[in-house]
Amino acid sequence: MYDIMPSTYSISEAQAKFPALVKEAAEKTVTITRRNTVVGYLISPERMEGILETLEILSNPEAMRAIEAGENGRTTYLSLEALDEADEG
């Protein structure tokens, strides 16, 4: 499971520990700061892929309409068996 609480390092600390931070980023977000201001994040590829997939869904009007319809109870859900029968018929 991905820990959402970030570890925070200054740029100079991050430079000195970069290989270890790459490993740490597999488990949690690593925040990089400069003069106590966040300037970057180091995250795992899986986390980044999830973020990109979410952004893709959010930018798709058809997907957002389908999500809204589901949230408002305007969607009919079918069992997997019903879907299989529809494919066969």
C-alpha atoms as a PDB file:
ATOM      1  CA  MET A   1       0.000   0.000   0.000  1.00  0.00           C
ATOM      2  CA  TYR A   2       1.166   3.518  -0.804  1.00  0.00           C
ATOM      3  CA  ASP A   3       1.755   5.773   2.209  1.00  0.00           C
ATOM      4  CA  ILE A   4       0.232   9.192   1.506  1.00  0.00           C
ATOM      5  CA  MET A   5       2.223  11.000   4.177  1.00  0.00           C
ATOM      6  CA  PRO A   6       5.212  12.505   2.379  1.00  0.00           C
ATOM      7  CA  SER A   7       8.797  12.570   3.533  1.00  0.00           C
ATOM      8  CA  THR A   8      10.335  15.986   3.063  1.00  0.00           C
ATOM      9  CA  TYR A   9      13.923  16.783   2.080  1.00  0.00           C
ATOM     10  CA  SER A  10      15.742  19.931   1.046  1.00  0.00           C
ATOM     11  CA  ILE A  11      17.260  19.942  -2.416  1.00  0.00           C
ATOM     12  CA  SER A  12      20.751  19.425  -1.006  1.00  0.00           C
ATOM     13  CA  GLU A  13      19.566  16.489   1.147  1.00  0.00           C
ATOM     14  CA  ALA A  14      17.751  14.988  -1.840  1.00  0.00           C
ATOM     15  CA  GLN A  15      20.845  15.281  -4.030  1.00  0.00           C
ATOM     16  CA  ALA A  16      22.955  13.517  -1.439  1.00  0.00           C
ATOM     17  CA  LYS A  17      20.424  10.728  -0.901  1.00  0.00           C
ATOM     18  CA  PHE A  18      18.901  10.422  -4.371  1.00  0.00           C
ATOM     19  CA  PRO A  19      19.250   6.625  -4.849  1.00  0.00           C
ATOM     20  CA  ALA A  20      17.675   6.006  -1.434  1.00  0.00           C
ATOM     21  CA  LEU A  21      14.887   8.495  -2.177  1.00  0.00           C
ATOM     22  CA  VAL A  22      14.019   6.669  -5.385  1.00  0.00           C
ATOM     23  CA  LYS A  23      13.530   3.512  -3.295  1.00  0.00           C
ATOM     24  CA  GLU A  24      11.548   5.448  -0.684  1.00  0.00           C
ATOM     25  CA  ALA A  25       9.269   6.872  -3.376  1.00  0.00           C
ATOM     26  CA  ALA A  26       8.064   3.340  -4.109  1.00  0.00           C
ATOM     27  CA  GLU A  27       6.361   3.432  -0.700  1.00  0.00           C
ATOM     28  CA  LYS A  28       5.496   7.091  -0.152  1.00  0.00           C
ATOM     29  CA  THR A  29       5.623  10.500  -1.765  1.00  0.00           C
ATOM     30  CA  VAL A  30       8.929  12.298  -1.337  1.00  0.00           C
ATOM     31  CA  THR A  31       8.647  16.088  -1.180  1.00  0.00           C
ATOM     32  CA  ILE A  32      11.587  18.274  -2.220  1.00  0.00           C
ATOM     33  CA  THR A  33      11.871  21.791  -0.801  1.00  0.00           C
ATOM     34  CA  ARG A  34      14.001  24.880  -1.345  1.00  0.00           C
ATOM     35  CA  ARG A  35      14.032  27.336   1.569  1.00  0.00           C
ATOM     36  CA  ASN A  36      10.981  25.559   3.077  1.00  0.00           C
ATOM     37  CA  THR A  37       8.961  25.946  -0.141  1.00  0.00           C
ATOM     38  CA  VAL A  38       7.891  22.821  -2.019  1.00  0.00           C
ATOM     39  CA  VAL A  39       9.585  22.695  -5.417  1.00  0.00           C
ATOM     40  CA  GLY A  40       8.960  19.094  -6.437  1.00  0.00           C
ATOM     41  CA  TYR A  41       7.791  15.592  -5.687  1.00  0.00           C
ATOM     42  CA  LEU A  42       9.243  12.151  -6.296  1.00  0.00           C
ATOM     43  CA  ILE A  43       6.576   9.461  -6.729  1.00  0.00           C
ATOM     44  CA  SER A  44       6.452   5.862  -7.907  1.00  0.00           C
ATOM     45  CA  PRO A  45       5.616   4.982 -11.523  1.00  0.00           C
ATOM     46  CA  GLU A  46       2.430   3.250 -10.337  1.00  0.00           C
ATOM     47  CA  ARG A  47       1.292   6.380  -8.488  1.00  0.00           C
ATOM     48  CA  MET A  48       2.049   8.536 -11.548  1.00  0.00           C
ATOM     49  CA  GLU A  49       0.148   6.166 -13.831  1.00  0.00           C
ATOM     50  CA  GLY A  50      -2.839   6.400 -11.477  1.00  0.00           C
ATOM     51  CA  ILE A  51      -2.692  10.182 -11.541  1.00  0.00           C
ATOM     52  CA  LEU A  52      -2.503  10.238 -15.345  1.00  0.00           C
ATOM     53  CA  GLU A  53      -5.402   7.796 -15.654  1.00  0.00           C
ATOM     54  CA  THR A  54      -7.498   9.934 -13.312  1.00  0.00           C
ATOM     55  CA  LEU A  55      -6.694  13.065 -15.306  1.00  0.00           C
ATOM     56  CA  GLU A  56      -7.633  11.265 -18.517  1.00  0.00           C
ATOM     57  CA  ILE A  57     -11.014  10.253 -17.085  1.00  0.00           C
ATOM     58  CA  LEU A  58     -11.652  13.741 -15.711  1.00  0.00           C
ATOM     59  CA  SER A  59     -10.895  15.279 -19.115  1.00  0.00           C
ATOM     60  CA  ASN A  60     -13.293  12.935 -20.939  1.00  0.00           C
ATOM     61  CA  PRO A  61     -16.788  14.508 -21.028  1.00  0.00           C
ATOM     62  CA  GLU A  62     -18.460  11.181 -21.880  1.00  0.00           C
ATOM     63  CA  ALA A  63     -16.800   9.422 -18.957  1.00  0.00           C
ATOM     64  CA  MET A  64     -17.763  12.251 -16.611  1.00  0.00           C
ATOM     65  CA  ARG A  65     -21.399  12.077 -17.774  1.00  0.00           C
ATOM     66  CA  ALA A  66     -21.395   8.319 -17.122  1.00  0.00           C
ATOM     67  CA  ILE A  67     -19.926   8.837 -13.637  1.00  0.00           C
ATOM     68  CA  GLU A  68     -22.503  11.534 -12.867  1.00  0.00           C
ATOM     69  CA  ALA A  69     -25.314   9.303 -14.112  1.00  0.00           C
ATOM     70  CA  GLY A  70     -24.096   6.500 -11.854  1.00  0.00           C
ATOM     71  CA  GLU A  71     -23.865   8.812  -8.853  1.00  0.00           C
ATOM     72  CA  ASN A  72     -27.398  10.096  -9.494  1.00  0.00           C
ATOM     73  CA  GLY A  73     -28.875   6.606  -9.828  1.00  0.00           C
ATOM     74  CA  ARG A  74     -29.587   6.956 -13.552  1.00  0.00           C
ATOM     75  CA  THR A  75     -27.539   3.941 -14.562  1.00  0.00           C
ATOM     76  CA  THR A  76     -28.649   0.373 -15.087  1.00  0.00           C
ATOM     77  CA  TYR A  77     -26.180  -2.174 -13.829  1.00  0.00           C
ATOM     78  CA  LEU A  78     -26.055  -5.642 -15.355  1.00  0.00           C
ATOM     79  CA  SER A  79     -24.516  -8.783 -13.964  1.00  0.00           C
ATOM     80  CA  LEU A  80     -21.597 -10.335 -15.820  1.00  0.00           C
ATOM     81  CA  GLU A  81     -23.868 -13.227 -16.753  1.00  0.00           C
ATOM     82  CA  ALA A  82     -26.329 -10.829 -18.383  1.00  0.00           C
ATOM     83  CA  LEU A  83     -23.502  -9.253 -20.361  1.00  0.00           C
ATOM     84  CA  ASP A  84     -22.328 -12.695 -21.513  1.00  0.00           C
ATOM     85  CA  GLU A  85     -25.885 -13.561 -22.596  1.00  0.00           C
ATOM     86  CA  ALA A  86     -26.170 -10.311 -24.535  1.00  0.00           C
ATOM     87  CA  ASP A  87     -22.927 -11.112 -26.369  1.00  0.00           C
ATOM     88  CA  GLU A  88     -24.180 -14.608 -27.247  1.00  0.00           C
ATOM     89  CA  GLY A  89     -27.621 -13.472 -28.352  1.00  0.00           C
END
